[in-house]
Amino acid sequence: MNKLHRQIIGISWLVLGALIFSLLVFKLDSASSATVIGGVLAGLLFIAGGFVLLANLRKLSWVCHPCALLSLLTFPVGTVIGIYYLWYFFRSMQMARSDSEEK
C-alpha cells in the first residue's frame, strides 16, 4: 500500500513539473528572466521529487519536502497533492517508529 501512495505522488509531481515547463515554453517571450529561472528551478525540483519517489531513493527523500511545500501553494490540485504527501510522510514515519519499537 505504501508503494501505491508513493507512485501516485511521484507521477503527480512529474506531471506538475512537465506542466510548469510547458507553461514556460508558451510564455517564454513575454516572461522576465527571473520568472523563467524560477520556473525552471521549480520544474526541475518537481521532476526530481517525482523521480525520487518512483525510484524509491530513500537517501534523497529530503528533495520531496520542498516539493510538498511548493505544492501546498498551488491551489487547488497542488494543495491536495501536498497534503497527500504530508499524510504519506507522517504515516510512514509513524509506521517506521512502531516497527522499531516492536523489535
N, C-alpha and C. Protein backbone atom coordinates (compact mmCIF):
# COMPACT_ATOMS: atom_id res chain seq x y z
N MET A 1 0.83 -1.20 0.00
CA MET A 1 0.00 0.00 0.00
C MET A 1 0.87 1.26 0.00
N ASN A 2 1.99 1.23 0.71
CA ASN A 2 2.90 2.37 0.71
C ASN A 2 3.41 2.67 -0.69
N LYS A 3 3.67 1.61 -1.46
CA LYS A 3 4.21 1.77 -2.81
C LYS A 3 3.19 2.48 -3.70
N LEU A 4 1.93 2.17 -3.53
CA LEU A 4 0.89 2.80 -4.34
C LEU A 4 0.82 4.31 -4.09
N HIS A 5 0.85 4.70 -2.82
CA HIS A 5 0.82 6.13 -2.48
C HIS A 5 2.05 6.85 -3.03
N ARG A 6 3.20 6.22 -2.89
CA ARG A 6 4.44 6.80 -3.39
C ARG A 6 4.40 6.99 -4.90
N GLN A 7 3.84 6.01 -5.61
CA GLN A 7 3.74 6.11 -7.06
C GLN A 7 2.76 7.20 -7.49
N ILE A 8 1.65 7.32 -6.82
CA ILE A 8 0.66 8.35 -7.16
C ILE A 8 1.26 9.74 -6.99
N ILE A 9 1.93 9.97 -5.88
CA ILE A 9 2.53 11.28 -5.63
C ILE A 9 3.66 11.54 -6.60
N GLY A 10 4.49 10.53 -6.86
CA GLY A 10 5.61 10.68 -7.79
C GLY A 10 5.15 11.03 -9.19
N ILE A 11 4.14 10.33 -9.69
CA ILE A 11 3.60 10.62 -11.02
C ILE A 11 2.98 12.01 -11.05
N SER A 12 2.29 12.38 -9.99
CA SER A 12 1.67 13.72 -9.93
C SER A 12 2.72 14.81 -10.00
N TRP A 13 3.83 14.63 -9.29
CA TRP A 13 4.88 15.64 -9.32
C TRP A 13 5.60 15.67 -10.65
N LEU A 14 5.76 14.52 -11.31
CA LEU A 14 6.35 14.52 -12.65
C LEU A 14 5.46 15.29 -13.63
N VAL A 15 4.16 15.07 -13.53
CA VAL A 15 3.22 15.79 -14.40
C VAL A 15 3.24 17.27 -14.09
N LEU A 16 3.28 17.63 -12.82
CA LEU A 16 3.32 19.04 -12.44
C LEU A 16 4.59 19.71 -12.94
N GLY A 17 5.73 19.03 -12.86
CA GLY A 17 6.98 19.57 -13.38
C GLY A 17 6.93 19.76 -14.88
N ALA A 18 6.36 18.78 -15.60
CA ALA A 18 6.22 18.90 -17.06
C ALA A 18 5.25 20.03 -17.41
N LEU A 19 4.21 20.21 -16.62
CA LEU A 19 3.26 21.30 -16.86
C LEU A 19 3.92 22.65 -16.67
N ILE A 20 4.76 22.78 -15.67
CA ILE A 20 5.48 24.04 -15.45
C ILE A 20 6.37 24.35 -16.64
N PHE A 21 7.10 23.33 -17.13
CA PHE A 21 7.96 23.54 -18.30
C PHE A 21 7.15 23.91 -19.54
N SER A 22 6.00 23.27 -19.74
CA SER A 22 5.19 23.60 -20.92
C SER A 22 4.62 25.01 -20.84
N LEU A 23 4.25 25.46 -19.65
CA LEU A 23 3.77 26.82 -19.50
C LEU A 23 4.88 27.83 -19.75
N LEU A 24 6.09 27.49 -19.36
CA LEU A 24 7.23 28.37 -19.63
C LEU A 24 7.49 28.50 -21.12
N VAL A 25 7.35 27.41 -21.85
CA VAL A 25 7.59 27.45 -23.29
C VAL A 25 6.58 28.36 -23.98
N PHE A 26 5.33 28.30 -23.56
CA PHE A 26 4.30 29.13 -24.19
C PHE A 26 4.42 30.61 -23.84
N LYS A 27 4.96 30.92 -22.68
CA LYS A 27 5.08 32.32 -22.23
C LYS A 27 6.51 32.82 -22.21
N LEU A 28 7.41 32.12 -22.90
CA LEU A 28 8.82 32.45 -22.84
C LEU A 28 9.13 33.84 -23.36
N ASP A 29 8.43 34.28 -24.40
CA ASP A 29 8.74 35.58 -24.99
C ASP A 29 8.29 36.75 -24.11
N SER A 30 7.23 36.57 -23.33
CA SER A 30 6.72 37.67 -22.52
C SER A 30 7.13 37.59 -21.05
N ALA A 31 7.84 36.54 -20.65
CA ALA A 31 8.22 36.37 -19.25
C ALA A 31 9.57 37.02 -18.96
N SER A 32 9.72 37.51 -17.74
CA SER A 32 11.01 38.09 -17.34
C SER A 32 12.01 36.97 -17.07
N SER A 33 13.25 37.32 -17.01
CA SER A 33 14.29 36.30 -16.79
C SER A 33 14.17 35.66 -15.41
N ALA A 34 13.76 36.44 -14.41
CA ALA A 34 13.58 35.89 -13.06
C ALA A 34 12.45 34.86 -13.05
N THR A 35 11.40 35.11 -13.80
CA THR A 35 10.28 34.17 -13.88
C THR A 35 10.72 32.88 -14.56
N VAL A 36 11.50 33.01 -15.62
CA VAL A 36 11.97 31.83 -16.33
C VAL A 36 12.89 30.99 -15.45
N ILE A 37 13.81 31.64 -14.74
CA ILE A 37 14.73 30.92 -13.86
C ILE A 37 13.97 30.24 -12.73
N GLY A 38 13.04 30.95 -12.12
CA GLY A 38 12.23 30.36 -11.06
C GLY A 38 11.38 29.20 -11.55
N GLY A 39 10.82 29.34 -12.74
CA GLY A 39 10.01 28.26 -13.30
C GLY A 39 10.84 27.03 -13.63
N VAL A 40 12.03 27.25 -14.18
CA VAL A 40 12.90 26.12 -14.49
C VAL A 40 13.32 25.40 -13.22
N LEU A 41 13.68 26.16 -12.18
CA LEU A 41 14.07 25.54 -10.91
C LEU A 41 12.91 24.78 -10.27
N ALA A 42 11.72 25.37 -10.31
CA ALA A 42 10.55 24.68 -9.74
C ALA A 42 10.22 23.42 -10.54
N GLY A 43 10.28 23.51 -11.86
CA GLY A 43 10.01 22.34 -12.68
C GLY A 43 11.01 21.22 -12.44
N LEU A 44 12.29 21.58 -12.34
CA LEU A 44 13.32 20.57 -12.06
C LEU A 44 13.14 19.96 -10.67
N LEU A 45 12.74 20.78 -9.70
CA LEU A 45 12.53 20.28 -8.35
C LEU A 45 11.39 19.27 -8.31
N PHE A 46 10.28 19.58 -8.99
CA PHE A 46 9.16 18.65 -9.02
C PHE A 46 9.51 17.36 -9.77
N ILE A 47 10.25 17.47 -10.86
CA ILE A 47 10.66 16.28 -11.60
C ILE A 47 11.61 15.43 -10.75
N ALA A 48 12.53 16.08 -10.05
CA ALA A 48 13.45 15.35 -9.17
C ALA A 48 12.70 14.67 -8.03
N GLY A 49 11.74 15.38 -7.43
CA GLY A 49 10.95 14.79 -6.35
C GLY A 49 10.13 13.61 -6.83
N GLY A 50 9.54 13.73 -8.01
CA GLY A 50 8.78 12.62 -8.57
C GLY A 50 9.66 11.42 -8.86
N PHE A 51 10.85 11.67 -9.40
CA PHE A 51 11.79 10.59 -9.68
C PHE A 51 12.26 9.91 -8.40
N VAL A 52 12.52 10.68 -7.36
CA VAL A 52 12.96 10.11 -6.08
C VAL A 52 11.89 9.18 -5.52
N LEU A 53 10.63 9.59 -5.61
CA LEU A 53 9.56 8.73 -5.09
C LEU A 53 9.37 7.49 -5.95
N LEU A 54 9.40 7.65 -7.26
CA LEU A 54 9.18 6.49 -8.13
C LEU A 54 10.33 5.49 -8.06
N ALA A 55 11.56 5.99 -7.91
CA ALA A 55 12.72 5.11 -7.85
C ALA A 55 12.99 4.61 -6.42
N ASN A 56 12.23 5.10 -5.44
CA ASN A 56 12.36 4.71 -4.04
C ASN A 56 13.78 4.95 -3.53
N LEU A 57 14.27 6.15 -3.78
CA LEU A 57 15.60 6.56 -3.32
C LEU A 57 15.47 7.20 -1.95
N ARG A 58 15.54 6.41 -0.93
CA ARG A 58 15.27 6.89 0.43
C ARG A 58 16.31 7.88 0.93
N LYS A 59 17.55 7.76 0.48
CA LYS A 59 18.59 8.69 0.93
C LYS A 59 18.39 10.09 0.35
N LEU A 60 17.63 10.20 -0.73
CA LEU A 60 17.37 11.50 -1.34
C LEU A 60 15.94 12.00 -1.06
N SER A 61 15.29 11.43 -0.07
CA SER A 61 13.90 11.81 0.19
C SER A 61 13.75 13.24 0.69
N TRP A 62 14.84 13.88 1.09
CA TRP A 62 14.78 15.28 1.53
C TRP A 62 14.34 16.19 0.38
N VAL A 63 14.49 15.75 -0.87
CA VAL A 63 14.07 16.56 -2.02
C VAL A 63 12.55 16.71 -2.04
N CYS A 64 11.85 15.77 -1.46
CA CYS A 64 10.38 15.78 -1.50
C CYS A 64 9.76 16.83 -0.58
N HIS A 65 10.45 17.22 0.46
CA HIS A 65 9.88 18.18 1.40
C HIS A 65 9.66 19.57 0.77
N PRO A 66 10.63 20.13 0.05
CA PRO A 66 10.35 21.40 -0.63
C PRO A 66 9.27 21.26 -1.70
N CYS A 67 9.21 20.10 -2.34
CA CYS A 67 8.15 19.87 -3.34
C CYS A 67 6.77 19.92 -2.68
N ALA A 68 6.67 19.32 -1.52
CA ALA A 68 5.39 19.33 -0.81
C ALA A 68 5.00 20.75 -0.41
N LEU A 69 5.98 21.52 0.07
CA LEU A 69 5.68 22.90 0.47
C LEU A 69 5.28 23.75 -0.73
N LEU A 70 5.97 23.60 -1.85
CA LEU A 70 5.58 24.33 -3.06
C LEU A 70 4.22 23.87 -3.58
N SER A 71 3.95 22.59 -3.44
CA SER A 71 2.66 22.07 -3.89
C SER A 71 1.51 22.68 -3.10
N LEU A 72 1.74 22.91 -1.83
CA LEU A 72 0.68 23.49 -1.00
C LEU A 72 0.25 24.87 -1.50
N LEU A 73 1.15 25.57 -2.16
CA LEU A 73 0.86 26.93 -2.64
C LEU A 73 0.12 26.96 -3.97
N THR A 74 0.07 25.84 -4.68
CA THR A 74 -0.57 25.81 -6.00
C THR A 74 -1.98 25.24 -5.84
N PHE A 75 -2.91 26.12 -5.53
CA PHE A 75 -4.29 25.76 -5.26
C PHE A 75 -5.02 25.46 -6.56
N PRO A 76 -5.88 24.52 -6.65
CA PRO A 76 -6.38 23.52 -5.71
C PRO A 76 -5.70 22.17 -5.83
N VAL A 77 -5.23 21.80 -7.02
CA VAL A 77 -4.69 20.45 -7.23
C VAL A 77 -3.38 20.26 -6.47
N GLY A 78 -2.49 21.23 -6.54
CA GLY A 78 -1.22 21.12 -5.84
C GLY A 78 -1.38 21.03 -4.34
N THR A 79 -2.37 21.74 -3.81
CA THR A 79 -2.65 21.69 -2.38
C THR A 79 -3.04 20.28 -1.96
N VAL A 80 -3.86 19.64 -2.76
CA VAL A 80 -4.28 18.27 -2.46
C VAL A 80 -3.08 17.32 -2.51
N ILE A 81 -2.22 17.49 -3.53
CA ILE A 81 -1.05 16.62 -3.65
C ILE A 81 -0.09 16.86 -2.48
N GLY A 82 0.10 18.13 -2.09
CA GLY A 82 0.98 18.45 -0.96
C GLY A 82 0.48 17.86 0.35
N ILE A 83 -0.82 17.97 0.60
CA ILE A 83 -1.41 17.39 1.81
C ILE A 83 -1.30 15.87 1.77
N TYR A 84 -1.52 15.30 0.59
CA TYR A 84 -1.41 13.85 0.42
C TYR A 84 0.01 13.38 0.72
N TYR A 85 1.02 14.11 0.24
CA TYR A 85 2.41 13.73 0.54
C TYR A 85 2.69 13.86 2.04
N LEU A 86 2.24 14.94 2.67
CA LEU A 86 2.49 15.10 4.10
C LEU A 86 1.82 13.99 4.90
N TRP A 87 0.61 13.60 4.50
CA TRP A 87 -0.06 12.48 5.15
C TRP A 87 0.75 11.20 4.98
N TYR A 88 1.20 10.96 3.75
CA TYR A 88 2.01 9.77 3.46
C TYR A 88 3.31 9.78 4.27
N PHE A 89 3.99 10.91 4.32
CA PHE A 89 5.27 11.02 5.02
C PHE A 89 5.09 10.76 6.51
N PHE A 90 4.13 11.43 7.15
CA PHE A 90 3.94 11.26 8.58
C PHE A 90 3.45 9.85 8.92
N ARG A 91 2.65 9.29 8.03
CA ARG A 91 2.18 7.93 8.24
C ARG A 91 3.33 6.93 8.14
N SER A 92 4.21 7.09 7.15
CA SER A 92 5.34 6.18 7.01
C SER A 92 6.32 6.35 8.17
N MET A 93 6.49 7.56 8.66
CA MET A 93 7.36 7.78 9.82
C MET A 93 6.76 7.10 11.06
N GLN A 94 5.46 7.19 11.21
CA GLN A 94 4.80 6.57 12.35
C GLN A 94 4.91 5.04 12.27
N MET A 95 4.77 4.49 11.07
CA MET A 95 4.88 3.04 10.90
C MET A 95 6.32 2.58 11.17
N ALA A 96 7.30 3.36 10.73
CA ALA A 96 8.69 3.01 10.97
C ALA A 96 9.01 3.06 12.47
N ARG A 97 8.45 4.04 13.15
CA ARG A 97 8.66 4.15 14.60
C ARG A 97 8.04 2.98 15.33
N SER A 98 6.82 2.59 14.94
CA SER A 98 6.17 1.47 15.62
C SER A 98 6.87 0.15 15.32
N ASP A 99 7.44 0.01 14.11
CA ASP A 99 8.20 -1.20 13.78
C ASP A 99 9.47 -1.29 14.60
N SER A 100 10.13 -0.17 14.83
CA SER A 100 11.37 -0.19 15.61
C SER A 100 11.10 -0.43 17.08
N GLU A 101 9.93 -0.01 17.57
CA GLU A 101 9.59 -0.23 18.97
C GLU A 101 9.23 -1.69 19.23
N GLU A 102 8.72 -2.39 18.21
CA GLU A 102 8.36 -3.78 18.38
C GLU A 102 9.57 -4.67 18.46
N LYS A 103 10.68 -4.27 17.89
CA LYS A 103 11.88 -5.12 17.85
C LYS A 103 12.62 -5.08 19.14
